[in-house]
Amino acid sequence: MPEIELREETVGRLDSLRVDDESYDELVTELMNIYEAEELTMFRSGDG
């Protein structure tokens, strides 16, 4: 798995989004899924 460096501000923002003992990996995966779902919704709404 690639390793990335995050600014302290970014880590703080991620920490505020974490639920219970959710790992950063779980949080990032959830955020990516939300992003992809919104992207798909935007794409489909433009199909009219």
Protein backbone atom coordinates (compact mmCIF):
# COMPACT_ATOMS: atom_id res chain seq x y z
CA MET A 1 0.00 0.00 0.00
CA PRO A 2 1.39 3.44 -0.85
CA GLU A 3 2.39 5.71 1.97
CA ILE A 4 1.31 9.35 1.95
CA GLU A 5 2.09 12.37 4.10
CA LEU A 6 -0.70 14.64 5.28
CA ARG A 7 -0.56 18.10 6.80
CA GLU A 8 -1.63 18.37 10.43
CA GLU A 9 -4.72 20.34 9.33
CA THR A 10 -5.80 17.52 7.02
CA VAL A 11 -5.34 14.90 9.74
CA GLY A 12 -7.47 17.05 12.05
CA ARG A 13 -10.23 17.23 9.47
CA LEU A 14 -10.10 13.45 8.97
CA ASP A 15 -10.19 12.91 12.72
CA SER A 16 -13.34 15.02 12.99
CA LEU A 17 -15.03 12.75 10.41
CA ARG A 18 -14.05 9.42 11.98
CA VAL A 19 -16.76 7.45 13.76
CA ASP A 20 -15.90 5.37 16.84
CA ASP A 21 -12.64 3.49 16.14
CA GLU A 22 -12.89 3.81 12.36
CA SER A 23 -9.49 3.52 10.68
CA TYR A 24 -8.18 6.11 8.25
CA ASP A 25 -8.36 3.46 5.54
CA GLU A 26 -12.06 2.86 6.24
CA LEU A 27 -12.75 6.60 6.30
CA VAL A 28 -10.95 7.28 3.03
CA THR A 29 -12.72 4.35 1.36
CA GLU A 30 -16.07 5.71 2.54
CA LEU A 31 -15.24 9.20 1.26
CA MET A 32 -14.22 7.77 -2.12
CA ASN A 33 -17.47 5.81 -2.35
CA ILE A 34 -19.48 8.97 -1.60
CA TYR A 35 -17.51 10.90 -4.22
CA GLU A 36 -18.05 8.20 -6.84
CA ALA A 37 -21.79 7.99 -6.06
CA GLU A 38 -22.16 11.76 -6.40
CA GLU A 39 -20.17 11.74 -9.63
CA LEU A 40 -22.42 9.01 -11.04
CA THR A 41 -25.54 10.94 -9.97
CA MET A 42 -24.26 14.10 -11.66
CA PHE A 43 -23.42 12.15 -14.84
CA ARG A 44 -26.85 10.52 -14.99
CA SER A 45 -28.73 13.77 -14.34
CA GLY A 46 -26.99 15.25 -17.40
CA ASP A 47 -28.14 12.38 -19.65
CA GLY A 48 -31.67 13.83 -20.13
